Amino acid sequence: MTSSPNTKPKPANGDGTTKKDQLIKLLGTKSGADIKSLSEKLGWQQHTTRAALSGLRKAGYEVAGEKSARGGMAKFRILSGPTLQQDANAEAAIRGA
């Protein structure tokens, strides 16, 4: 079954927040988040989380990955979001349209 282009993503939980919204919120923190913690919090496999990061980049978000000098996993965070004109294209890019 395919969804129509005007259909909004269904909320991931009962409060009306989509997983995309949750991902953006987690990446919007100053410290960012690593792939493992994002995957655990969203209930996704790690390759799905990486694909979602790519989708955000294609949608116009500036997503930066930074590896600490002490080693460990890279942390990702959003530096800036899409412009208003890109906002309409953002949903389509994340849905794979």
Protein backbone atom coordinates (compact mmCIF):
# COMPACT_ATOMS: atom_id res chain seq x y z
CA MET A 1 0.00 0.00 0.00
CA THR A 2 1.39 3.40 -0.93
CA SER A 3 0.75 6.65 0.87
CA SER A 4 -0.38 9.79 -0.86
CA PRO A 5 2.09 12.68 -1.07
CA ASN A 6 -0.12 14.78 1.20
CA THR A 7 -0.16 12.23 4.01
CA LYS A 8 1.83 13.23 7.08
CA PRO A 9 3.98 10.62 8.82
CA LYS A 10 2.21 8.86 11.67
CA PRO A 11 3.36 9.70 15.19
CA ALA A 12 5.74 7.20 16.74
CA ASN A 13 4.10 7.54 20.13
CA GLY A 14 0.85 8.77 21.62
CA ASP A 15 1.90 12.41 22.02
CA GLY A 16 1.90 13.24 18.29
CA THR A 17 5.70 13.33 17.93
CA THR A 18 7.13 11.55 14.89
CA LYS A 19 10.44 9.72 14.96
CA LYS A 20 11.79 12.39 12.61
CA ASP A 21 10.85 15.04 15.18
CA GLN A 22 12.52 12.98 17.91
CA LEU A 23 15.67 12.59 15.78
CA ILE A 24 15.84 16.33 15.12
CA LYS A 25 15.40 17.06 18.83
CA LEU A 26 18.15 14.61 19.80
CA LEU A 27 20.52 16.04 17.19
CA GLY A 28 19.64 19.61 18.16
CA THR A 29 21.45 19.42 21.49
CA LYS A 30 24.81 21.15 21.86
CA SER A 31 26.60 17.87 22.62
CA GLY A 32 24.88 15.92 19.84
CA ALA A 33 24.43 12.14 19.90
CA ASP A 34 26.19 9.07 18.56
CA ILE A 35 24.65 6.51 16.21
CA LYS A 36 24.37 3.86 18.93
CA SER A 37 22.42 6.05 21.37
CA LEU A 38 20.20 7.45 18.60
CA SER A 39 19.40 3.91 17.45
CA GLU A 40 18.54 2.78 20.97
CA LYS A 41 16.33 5.79 21.72
CA LEU A 42 14.46 5.55 18.41
CA GLY A 43 14.25 1.75 18.27
CA TRP A 44 16.07 1.63 14.94
CA GLN A 45 18.97 -0.42 13.66
CA GLN A 46 22.18 1.55 13.18
CA HIS A 47 22.05 1.46 9.38
CA THR A 48 18.51 2.92 9.54
CA THR A 49 19.74 5.74 11.75
CA ARG A 50 22.56 6.54 9.31
CA ALA A 51 20.05 6.57 6.44
CA ALA A 52 17.82 8.97 8.40
CA LEU A 53 20.82 11.29 8.87
CA SER A 54 21.36 11.22 5.11
CA GLY A 55 17.69 12.02 4.61
CA LEU A 56 18.00 15.04 6.89
CA ARG A 57 21.02 16.24 4.92
CA LYS A 58 19.13 15.85 1.63
CA ALA A 59 16.23 17.75 3.19
CA GLY A 60 18.48 20.74 3.85
CA TYR A 61 19.64 20.18 7.42
CA GLU A 62 23.33 20.76 8.08
CA VAL A 63 24.34 17.67 10.06
CA ALA A 64 27.90 17.61 11.39
CA GLY A 65 29.74 14.57 12.68
CA GLU A 66 32.59 15.11 15.11
CA LYS A 67 34.95 12.51 16.53
CA SER A 68 36.46 13.27 19.92
CA ALA A 69 40.21 13.56 20.30
CA ARG A 70 40.09 10.71 22.85
CA GLY A 71 38.58 8.33 20.34
CA GLY A 72 35.22 6.70 20.72
CA MET A 73 32.17 7.07 18.54
CA ALA A 74 31.50 10.13 16.42
CA LYS A 75 28.77 12.45 17.68
CA PHE A 76 26.36 14.02 15.25
CA ARG A 77 24.41 17.25 15.66
CA ILE A 78 22.37 19.63 13.57
CA LEU A 79 24.09 22.94 12.92
CA SER A 80 21.23 24.50 10.94
CA GLY A 81 17.85 23.55 9.50
CA PRO A 82 16.38 23.93 6.02
CA THR A 83 15.12 27.26 4.78
CA LEU A 84 11.37 27.81 4.51
CA GLN A 85 11.42 27.06 0.78
CA GLN A 86 13.28 23.81 1.38
CA ASP A 87 10.86 22.86 4.14
CA ALA A 88 8.29 21.50 1.69
CA ASN A 89 10.96 19.42 -0.03
CA ALA A 90 12.26 18.15 3.32
CA GLU A 91 9.29 15.89 3.95
CA ALA A 92 9.48 14.43 0.45
CA ALA A 93 13.22 13.73 0.73
CA ILE A 94 12.88 11.96 4.07
CA ARG A 95 9.95 9.86 2.84
CA GLY A 96 11.99 8.89 -0.22
CA ALA A 97 9.68 10.56 -2.73
